[in-house]
Amino acid sequence: MRAPLRVAAVVVAAGTFMSGLAACSSDSSDTGSAPLVAADQVKAGLPTGWSSGGFVPDSAGLKCGQTADDPTRGITDTEITIGGLAYLTSANGSSMAGSELGAQARFDRANADGGINGRKIHYVGTLDDGNDPARNIVQAKALVEREKIFAAVPVMTTSANYLDTFCEETVPFFGWGTNQGYCGTSIGFGITGCSLPDEKLGYTLTTYGPLFQAMFDGKAKGRSIALIGIDNDSARDGLAAVSRSISAVGLDVVYEENPIPPSGATDTTAIVNAIMGANDGAPPDVVYYIADFNSTIKLTAALAAAGFQGKNLNPVGYDPRLAGFEGLQSSYTVLLWQPGVDTSVPAIRQMVDDFGKYAPGTAISLPAMAGYWAADMFVTAVTKAGRDLTIDSLLKLLNNDYSNYVEGALPETRWPTNHYIQAPCGSLVQMNGDTYDIVSDVACGALVKE
């Protein structure tokens, strides 16, 4: 079956997702150093209880504070007002479209179940910043000044320009932590933590150990990896960070370049030639395309035409609308939570049912799942905060040894630890024909000191 190419326009931008896979340092100068943990010694751990490696978060150093001038903003006796901010459209066609529907589905179920401690969620919708940093500021102000929101759910943008407004007004926000607003602040809660930690943090993740072990049937040791990224500052930082995380588990990064223009790959000849000889004159075992969807497809095809017989890995190839797409056959996709196809997990089954009931026809894509889990994280926290809810009481709860975990579906995050770094967890799928086969269920490595 051939998936329609229009699907590509709504697949999440790889520049954003790449940030979600980044470890904690953008300094690539040490990628040849000895591994912190050997890949074949990193065991796939449960998605809860992962080791923090001795990392101690500095709660006092978090930006934005935890008290609001108007702690009951957006709350009445019967309602909690919530609004989101995302790039639902963009100039290059990529987007987080679907994230707003995921949040809506979860909020609708909460309301159908009677609300939260006697209050219904008044969801004013998710404003679109168009992937425009200036519009990002305008829409953030609209949410606070016009809509008077209690919290922002989901927040899924590339720009963190919203932070000035949210910080000044103390607006808690929840979403996919792929921009700097989720890192080092007391008010930002990413569903898998902060994906762009400070390079001076001194810790990295062993996430790639279990994933590559699963990809190679337990024989990942000594495998060679080529990393291909987009040519902009954030992408270069992210690529270097991914390289460090992969190198930390003893895998050999033989190519680490950002040759793809921000507008997308055109002539692939030079890239293909470099990759095919990157491993001491031979091709690497894996090519990891941390790029936009169209560039990933173009490069995958070009390398195949050049005779590449290794494994293709990307962060953008999971979307139900892509099942059967020829350009991704046998390719692997890495996710940060359990894939939505695994309805044997009760929480995934509930999510699928919620989409079917409250957002029928919505593809359960990566953005849609991220929006859903962000709303779920918010609902869980506000429920625990109790009837005497204020902005201050919610933040006090969340920033005081709080953890969020959805069994079998969303890995555990811990706060304030995950204000500083991402949970060391992921899953892996492979497209075979019209199906996504789960190669590795969501599992975790650990945080390790560099």
Protein backbone atom coordinates (compact mmCIF):
# COMPACT_ATOMS: atom_id res chain seq x y z
CA MET A 1 0.00 0.00 0.00
CA ARG A 2 1.29 3.46 -0.87
CA ALA A 3 0.64 6.21 1.70
CA PRO A 4 -0.39 9.55 0.20
CA LEU A 5 2.45 12.06 0.18
CA ARG A 6 0.23 14.72 1.72
CA VAL A 7 0.78 12.85 5.00
CA ALA A 8 4.34 14.15 5.01
CA ALA A 9 3.14 17.70 5.50
CA VAL A 10 1.67 16.95 8.91
CA VAL A 11 4.39 14.73 10.32
CA VAL A 12 6.23 16.33 13.24
CA ALA A 13 9.27 18.37 12.25
CA ALA A 14 12.45 16.43 12.92
CA GLY A 15 14.25 19.49 14.20
CA THR A 16 11.85 19.48 17.13
CA PHE A 17 11.87 15.74 17.67
CA MET A 18 15.63 15.62 17.44
CA SER A 19 15.77 17.90 20.45
CA GLY A 20 13.63 15.36 22.27
CA LEU A 21 16.29 12.74 21.75
CA ALA A 22 19.22 14.93 22.68
CA ALA A 23 21.30 14.21 25.72
CA CYS A 24 22.81 16.87 27.90
CA SER A 25 25.83 18.30 26.10
CA SER A 26 26.36 20.07 22.81
CA ASP A 27 30.14 19.69 22.97
CA SER A 28 31.08 17.09 20.38
CA SER A 29 34.82 17.19 21.05
CA ASP A 30 34.76 14.11 23.31
CA THR A 31 32.79 11.72 21.11
CA GLY A 32 35.83 9.51 20.73
CA SER A 33 36.35 9.05 24.47
CA ALA A 34 35.90 5.75 26.28
CA PRO A 35 32.30 4.65 26.78
CA LEU A 36 30.69 5.35 30.12
CA VAL A 37 28.77 2.08 29.88
CA ALA A 38 29.20 -0.64 27.25
CA ALA A 39 26.17 -1.04 24.99
CA ASP A 40 25.93 -4.76 25.65
CA GLN A 41 25.92 -4.11 29.38
CA VAL A 42 23.06 -1.60 29.37
CA LYS A 43 19.97 -3.60 30.18
CA ALA A 44 16.49 -2.49 29.20
CA GLY A 45 15.00 -1.39 32.50
CA LEU A 46 11.43 -0.78 33.52
CA PRO A 47 9.91 2.58 32.54
CA THR A 48 9.83 3.46 36.23
CA GLY A 49 12.55 3.34 38.84
CA TRP A 50 15.40 4.32 36.50
CA SER A 51 18.66 5.38 38.11
CA SER A 52 19.45 9.08 38.33
CA GLY A 53 23.16 8.27 38.69
CA GLY A 54 23.55 10.46 41.74
CA PHE A 55 22.30 13.61 40.03
CA VAL A 56 20.94 16.12 42.56
CA PRO A 57 18.74 18.87 41.11
CA ASP A 58 19.17 22.44 42.27
CA SER A 59 15.62 23.51 43.05
CA ALA A 60 16.75 26.92 44.20
CA GLY A 61 18.31 27.57 40.82
CA LEU A 62 15.09 27.15 38.84
CA LYS A 63 13.84 30.19 36.97
CA CYS A 64 10.36 31.74 37.19
CA GLY A 65 9.44 31.19 40.84
CA GLN A 66 6.44 29.34 42.20
CA THR A 67 4.08 32.02 43.46
CA ALA A 68 1.58 33.96 41.37
CA ASP A 69 0.30 37.49 41.83
CA ASP A 70 -3.15 36.04 41.14
CA PRO A 71 -3.01 32.44 42.36
CA THR A 72 -6.67 31.75 41.50
CA ARG A 73 -6.44 33.04 37.92
CA GLY A 74 -8.56 30.86 35.65
CA ILE A 75 -10.37 29.08 38.51
CA THR A 76 -13.99 29.37 39.56
CA ASP A 77 -16.04 27.12 41.81
CA THR A 78 -17.08 25.13 38.76
CA GLU A 79 -14.36 25.52 36.11
CA ILE A 80 -10.64 25.50 35.37
CA THR A 81 -9.70 27.43 32.22
CA ILE A 82 -6.99 25.85 30.09
CA GLY A 83 -5.51 26.81 26.72
CA GLY A 84 -2.63 25.54 24.63
CA LEU A 85 0.09 26.91 22.36
CA ALA A 86 1.59 24.97 19.44
CA TYR A 87 2.70 25.31 15.87
CA LEU A 88 -0.31 23.83 14.14
CA THR A 89 0.88 25.25 10.82
CA SER A 90 4.28 26.31 9.49
CA ALA A 91 5.89 27.66 6.36
CA ASN A 92 7.51 24.32 5.51
CA GLY A 93 4.38 22.28 6.16
CA SER A 94 5.57 20.39 9.23
CA SER A 95 3.54 20.91 12.36
CA MET A 96 2.31 19.70 15.71
CA ALA A 97 -1.20 19.41 14.30
CA GLY A 98 -3.16 16.86 16.28
CA SER A 99 -1.69 17.88 19.62
CA GLU A 100 -4.73 20.06 20.31
CA LEU A 101 -7.07 17.15 19.56
CA GLY A 102 -5.13 14.85 21.85
CA ALA A 103 -5.51 17.31 24.71
CA GLN A 104 -9.18 17.82 23.88
CA ALA A 105 -9.86 14.07 24.00
CA ARG A 106 -8.31 13.71 27.45
CA PHE A 107 -10.04 16.79 28.83
CA ASP A 108 -13.38 15.63 27.45
CA ARG A 109 -13.03 12.30 29.25
CA ALA A 110 -12.18 14.07 32.49
CA ASN A 111 -15.30 16.21 32.14
CA ALA A 112 -17.45 13.19 31.24
CA ASP A 113 -16.20 11.53 34.42
CA GLY A 114 -17.49 14.48 36.46
CA GLY A 115 -14.59 16.88 36.22
CA ILE A 116 -11.72 17.33 38.65
CA ASN A 117 -12.67 17.69 42.29
CA GLY A 118 -15.97 19.29 41.32
CA ARG A 119 -14.62 21.48 38.50
CA LYS A 120 -14.99 20.97 34.76
CA ILE A 121 -12.16 21.87 32.40
CA HIS A 122 -12.96 24.81 30.17
CA TYR A 123 -10.58 24.22 27.29
CA VAL A 124 -10.38 27.33 25.12
CA GLY A 125 -8.37 25.48 22.49
CA THR A 126 -4.76 25.63 21.34
CA LEU A 127 -3.50 28.80 19.68
CA ASP A 128 -1.30 28.46 16.60
CA ASP A 129 2.00 30.34 16.53
CA GLY A 130 2.69 29.27 12.92
CA ASN A 131 6.25 28.36 13.98
CA ASP A 132 6.90 32.12 14.08
CA PRO A 133 8.85 33.38 17.15
CA ALA A 134 7.13 36.80 17.07
CA ARG A 135 3.67 35.24 16.87
CA ASN A 136 4.67 32.91 19.69
CA ILE A 137 4.91 35.95 21.98
CA VAL A 138 1.58 37.38 20.81
CA GLN A 139 -0.29 34.14 21.32
CA ALA A 140 1.19 33.61 24.79
CA LYS A 141 -0.03 37.05 25.83
CA ALA A 142 -3.46 36.28 24.39
CA LEU A 143 -3.74 33.14 26.48
CA VAL A 144 -2.95 35.01 29.70
CA GLU A 145 -4.47 38.46 29.12
CA ARG A 146 -7.53 37.56 27.03
CA GLU A 147 -8.33 33.98 28.03
CA LYS A 148 -7.12 34.23 31.66
CA ILE A 149 -5.86 30.65 31.65
CA PHE A 150 -4.90 28.77 34.80
CA ALA A 151 -2.33 26.69 32.90
CA ALA A 152 -1.19 26.11 29.32
CA VAL A 153 -1.77 22.60 27.95
CA PRO A 154 -0.34 21.54 25.55
CA VAL A 155 2.68 23.72 24.80
CA MET A 156 4.48 22.28 21.77
CA THR A 157 6.53 24.92 19.96
CA THR A 158 10.04 25.34 18.61
CA SER A 159 10.35 28.83 20.08
CA ALA A 160 10.41 29.48 23.82
CA ASN A 161 9.56 33.17 23.43
CA TYR A 162 6.34 32.48 25.34
CA LEU A 163 8.44 32.07 28.48
CA ASP A 164 8.74 35.77 29.33
CA THR A 165 4.95 36.03 29.61
CA PHE A 166 4.43 32.69 31.33
CA CYS A 167 7.25 33.37 33.76
CA GLU A 168 6.07 36.87 34.66
CA GLU A 169 2.48 35.69 35.16
CA THR A 170 3.42 32.29 36.68
CA VAL A 171 1.64 30.09 34.16
CA PRO A 172 2.30 26.35 34.62
CA PHE A 173 2.64 24.61 31.26
CA PHE A 174 2.71 21.00 30.11
CA GLY A 175 3.70 19.42 26.80
CA TRP A 176 6.55 17.85 24.86
CA GLY A 177 9.72 19.35 26.35
CA THR A 178 11.47 20.13 23.08
CA ASN A 179 12.21 23.81 23.62
CA GLN A 180 14.30 25.64 26.20
CA GLY A 181 11.26 26.79 28.17
CA TYR A 182 11.05 23.32 29.68
CA CYS A 183 14.61 23.40 30.99
CA GLY A 184 15.67 25.05 34.20
CA THR A 185 12.26 26.56 34.99
CA SER A 186 9.88 25.81 37.84
CA ILE A 187 6.75 26.08 35.69
CA GLY A 188 7.47 23.88 32.64
CA PHE A 189 6.66 20.15 32.77
CA GLY A 190 7.60 18.05 29.75
CA ILE A 191 5.98 14.64 29.49
CA THR A 192 9.46 13.11 29.20
CA GLY A 193 11.31 15.95 30.90
CA CYS A 194 13.70 18.62 29.63
CA SER A 195 15.08 17.61 26.26
CA LEU A 196 17.65 20.42 25.91
CA PRO A 197 19.62 20.39 29.17
CA ASP A 198 22.44 22.78 29.92
CA GLU A 199 25.71 21.52 28.43
CA LYS A 200 27.41 22.04 31.79
CA LEU A 201 25.07 19.64 33.60
CA GLY A 202 27.66 16.86 33.49
CA TYR A 203 25.22 13.99 32.95
CA THR A 204 24.09 12.07 29.89
CA LEU A 205 21.69 9.21 29.12
CA THR A 206 22.20 5.53 28.30
CA THR A 207 18.90 5.37 26.40
CA TYR A 208 20.53 4.21 23.18
CA GLY A 209 22.07 1.11 24.75
CA PRO A 210 18.79 -0.84 25.06
CA LEU A 211 17.47 0.51 21.76
CA PHE A 212 20.48 -0.53 19.69
CA GLN A 213 20.67 -3.84 21.52
CA ALA A 214 17.08 -4.49 20.45
CA MET A 215 17.82 -3.42 16.88
CA PHE A 216 20.75 -5.86 16.63
CA ASP A 217 19.27 -8.77 18.60
CA GLY A 218 21.60 -8.19 21.53
CA LYS A 219 24.72 -7.67 19.43
CA ALA A 220 25.13 -3.89 19.37
CA LYS A 221 28.69 -3.79 20.68
CA GLY A 222 31.09 -2.23 18.18
CA ARG A 223 28.41 -1.11 15.72
CA SER A 224 29.11 2.01 13.65
CA ILE A 225 26.61 4.87 13.37
CA ALA A 226 26.32 7.82 10.98
CA LEU A 227 24.35 10.86 12.18
CA ILE A 228 22.90 13.24 9.59
CA GLY A 229 21.33 16.54 10.67
CA ILE A 230 19.95 19.86 9.52
CA ASP A 231 22.23 22.87 9.11
CA ASN A 232 21.14 25.25 11.86
CA ASP A 233 22.41 26.05 15.35
CA SER A 234 19.84 24.12 17.38
CA ALA A 235 20.13 21.09 15.12
CA ARG A 236 23.93 21.11 15.40
CA ASP A 237 23.68 21.26 19.18
CA GLY A 238 21.14 18.46 19.19
CA LEU A 239 23.16 16.26 16.85
CA ALA A 240 26.29 16.64 18.96
CA ALA A 241 24.28 15.76 22.06
CA VAL A 242 22.83 12.65 20.45
CA SER A 243 26.36 11.70 19.42
CA ARG A 244 27.55 11.93 23.01
CA SER A 245 24.68 9.81 24.24
CA ILE A 246 25.37 7.14 21.61
CA SER A 247 29.11 7.26 22.27
CA ALA A 248 28.45 6.93 26.00
CA VAL A 249 27.31 3.35 25.45
CA GLY A 250 30.29 2.39 23.33
CA LEU A 251 28.82 2.69 19.86
CA ASP A 252 31.10 4.12 17.18
CA VAL A 253 29.91 7.43 15.68
CA VAL A 254 31.80 7.51 12.37
CA TYR A 255 29.96 10.45 10.79
CA GLU A 256 28.42 13.44 12.52
CA GLU A 257 27.50 16.23 10.16
CA ASN A 258 24.70 18.72 9.48
CA PRO A 259 24.74 18.99 5.67
CA ILE A 260 20.97 19.31 5.10
CA PRO A 261 19.78 22.88 4.37
CA PRO A 262 16.90 24.09 6.58
CA SER A 263 14.72 24.09 3.45
CA GLY A 264 15.39 20.36 2.96
CA ALA A 265 17.79 18.12 1.07
CA THR A 266 18.15 18.70 -2.67
CA ASP A 267 21.26 17.17 -4.23
CA THR A 268 22.12 14.16 -2.07
CA THR A 269 25.25 13.07 -3.97
CA ALA A 270 27.88 14.49 -1.62
CA ILE A 271 26.10 13.24 1.49
CA VAL A 272 25.66 9.75 0.07
CA ASN A 273 29.31 9.54 -0.99
CA ALA A 274 30.47 10.63 2.46
CA ILE A 275 28.23 8.12 4.24
CA MET A 276 29.17 5.19 2.02
CA GLY A 277 32.83 5.61 2.99
CA ALA A 278 32.42 6.86 6.56
CA ASN A 279 33.38 3.60 8.28
CA ASP A 280 37.05 3.41 7.23
CA GLY A 281 36.05 3.38 3.59
CA ALA A 282 32.94 1.24 4.09
CA PRO A 283 29.32 2.10 4.97
CA PRO A 284 28.26 2.27 8.64
CA ASP A 285 25.95 -0.28 10.25
CA VAL A 286 23.26 2.36 10.91
CA VAL A 287 22.35 5.70 9.38
CA TYR A 288 20.35 7.89 11.77
CA TYR A 289 18.49 10.63 9.89
CA ILE A 290 17.74 13.40 12.37
CA ALA A 291 16.08 15.50 9.71
CA ASP A 292 12.76 16.58 8.26
CA PHE A 293 10.47 13.93 6.79
CA ASN A 294 11.06 14.69 3.12
CA SER A 295 14.84 14.81 3.53
CA THR A 296 14.75 11.51 5.44
CA ILE A 297 12.82 9.83 2.64
CA LYS A 298 15.05 11.29 -0.07
CA LEU A 299 18.28 10.26 1.66
CA THR A 300 17.00 6.80 2.52
CA ALA A 301 16.19 6.21 -1.15
CA ALA A 302 19.49 7.68 -2.38
CA LEU A 303 21.55 5.49 -0.04
CA ALA A 304 19.59 2.41 -1.07
CA ALA A 305 20.32 3.23 -4.70
CA ALA A 306 24.02 3.51 -3.82
CA GLY A 307 23.98 0.01 -2.34
CA PHE A 308 23.59 0.73 1.38
CA GLN A 309 22.46 -2.46 3.13
CA GLY A 310 22.61 -1.33 6.74
CA LYS A 311 19.79 -0.19 9.00
CA ASN A 312 17.90 3.10 8.66
CA LEU A 313 16.80 4.89 11.83
CA ASN A 314 14.78 8.09 12.18
CA PRO A 315 12.60 9.96 14.67
CA VAL A 316 9.79 10.91 12.24
CA GLY A 317 8.53 7.68 10.70
CA TYR A 318 5.79 6.76 13.17
CA ASP A 319 2.31 7.83 12.12
CA PRO A 320 -0.68 5.55 11.39
CA ARG A 321 -1.18 7.38 8.09
CA LEU A 322 2.27 6.24 6.94
CA ALA A 323 1.65 2.51 7.38
CA GLY A 324 2.65 0.82 4.15
CA PHE A 325 4.58 3.80 2.82
CA GLU A 326 7.25 2.41 0.49
CA GLY A 327 9.86 4.98 1.44
CA LEU A 328 9.99 3.72 5.04
CA GLN A 329 9.86 -0.04 4.54
CA SER A 330 12.12 -1.83 7.08
CA SER A 331 13.11 1.52 8.61
CA TYR A 332 13.23 1.90 12.37
CA THR A 333 11.68 4.78 14.30
CA VAL A 334 12.60 5.72 17.85
CA LEU A 335 9.90 7.09 20.18
CA LEU A 336 10.07 8.35 23.76
CA TRP A 337 6.99 6.44 24.95
CA GLN A 338 5.04 3.29 24.08
CA PRO A 339 3.71 3.28 20.49
CA GLY A 340 -0.01 3.86 20.06
CA VAL A 341 -0.43 0.58 18.18
CA ASP A 342 0.08 -1.45 21.36
CA THR A 343 -3.51 -1.66 22.59
CA SER A 344 -2.61 -4.63 24.80
CA VAL A 345 -1.48 -1.99 27.30
CA PRO A 346 -4.58 -0.80 29.21
CA ALA A 347 -3.51 2.86 29.17
CA ILE A 348 -2.92 2.74 25.41
CA ARG A 349 -6.31 1.06 24.95
CA GLN A 350 -7.91 3.85 26.99
CA MET A 351 -6.16 6.50 24.89
CA VAL A 352 -7.33 4.89 21.64
CA ASP A 353 -10.88 4.68 23.00
CA ASP A 354 -10.77 8.34 24.05
CA PHE A 355 -9.71 9.40 20.56
CA GLY A 356 -12.45 7.28 19.05
CA LYS A 357 -15.12 8.77 21.31
CA TYR A 358 -14.05 12.39 21.67
CA ALA A 359 -11.91 13.05 18.55
CA PRO A 360 -13.14 10.54 15.97
CA GLY A 361 -11.09 10.31 12.81
CA THR A 362 -7.96 11.75 14.43
CA ALA A 363 -4.76 9.91 13.54
CA ILE A 364 -2.96 8.91 16.74
CA SER A 365 0.32 10.45 15.63
CA LEU A 366 3.30 11.52 17.72
CA PRO A 367 1.93 15.08 18.22
CA ALA A 368 -1.55 13.74 19.03
CA MET A 369 -0.13 11.35 21.63
CA ALA A 370 2.07 14.07 23.11
CA GLY A 371 -0.94 16.38 23.48
CA TYR A 372 -2.95 13.59 25.09
CA TRP A 373 -0.23 12.66 27.59
CA ALA A 374 0.37 16.32 28.46
CA ALA A 375 -3.31 16.71 29.29
CA ASP A 376 -3.25 13.45 31.24
CA MET A 377 -0.26 14.66 33.26
CA PHE A 378 -2.13 17.88 34.07
CA VAL A 379 -5.36 16.09 35.02
CA THR A 380 -3.47 13.70 37.31
CA ALA A 381 -1.59 16.51 39.07
CA VAL A 382 -4.63 18.76 39.55
CA THR A 383 -6.61 15.83 40.91
CA LYS A 384 -3.87 15.21 43.49
CA ALA A 385 -3.75 18.92 44.37
CA GLY A 386 -7.30 18.68 45.70
CA ARG A 387 -10.28 20.98 45.89
CA ASP A 388 -8.33 23.89 47.40
CA LEU A 389 -6.52 24.37 44.10
CA THR A 390 -4.39 27.41 43.32
CA ILE A 391 -1.50 27.98 40.97
CA ASP A 392 0.79 28.09 43.99
CA SER A 393 -0.51 24.84 45.47
CA LEU A 394 -0.14 23.03 42.15
CA LEU A 395 3.46 24.16 41.68
CA LYS A 396 4.31 23.31 45.27
CA LEU A 397 2.99 19.80 44.70
CA LEU A 398 4.75 19.30 41.36
CA ASN A 399 8.15 20.60 42.46
CA ASN A 400 8.39 18.62 45.69
CA ASP A 401 9.47 15.06 44.83
CA TYR A 402 6.56 14.55 42.46
CA SER A 403 6.55 11.77 39.87
CA ASN A 404 4.36 11.12 36.84
CA TYR A 405 4.04 7.65 35.31
CA VAL A 406 1.46 5.92 33.14
CA GLU A 407 2.01 2.18 33.47
CA GLY A 408 3.25 0.60 30.27
CA ALA A 409 2.71 3.77 28.26
CA LEU A 410 4.55 6.88 29.43
CA PRO A 411 7.85 6.52 31.31
CA GLU A 412 8.32 7.97 34.75
CA THR A 413 9.40 11.56 35.16
CA ARG A 414 10.55 13.01 38.49
CA TRP A 415 10.45 16.59 39.59
CA PRO A 416 12.50 18.67 40.03
CA THR A 417 15.05 16.28 38.40
CA ASN A 418 13.39 16.39 34.99
CA HIS A 419 13.38 20.17 34.92
CA TYR A 420 17.07 19.66 34.12
CA ILE A 421 17.30 16.54 31.96
CA GLN A 422 15.17 14.06 30.06
CA ALA A 423 14.06 10.68 31.35
CA PRO A 424 16.49 8.09 29.86
CA CYS A 425 13.77 6.10 28.11
CA GLY A 426 12.53 5.17 24.65
CA SER A 427 10.93 2.56 22.42
CA LEU A 428 11.59 1.30 18.91
CA VAL A 429 9.32 0.29 16.03
CA GLN A 430 9.99 -1.03 12.53
CA MET A 431 7.70 -0.63 9.53
CA ASN A 432 7.11 -3.95 7.80
CA GLY A 433 4.47 -3.86 5.11
CA ASP A 434 1.34 -2.18 6.46
CA THR A 435 2.26 -2.63 10.11
CA TYR A 436 4.56 -1.18 12.73
CA ASP A 437 6.30 -3.99 14.58
CA ILE A 438 7.39 -3.13 18.10
CA VAL A 439 11.07 -3.98 18.33
CA SER A 440 11.47 -2.64 21.86
CA ASP A 441 8.72 -1.70 24.29
CA VAL A 442 9.28 1.52 26.17
CA ALA A 443 12.22 0.87 28.47
CA CYS A 444 14.80 2.92 30.31
CA GLY A 445 18.51 3.15 30.75
CA ALA A 446 19.92 5.53 33.33
CA LEU A 447 21.47 8.92 33.88
CA VAL A 448 25.25 8.64 34.07
CA LYS A 449 27.87 11.17 35.07
CA GLU A 450 30.18 12.20 32.21
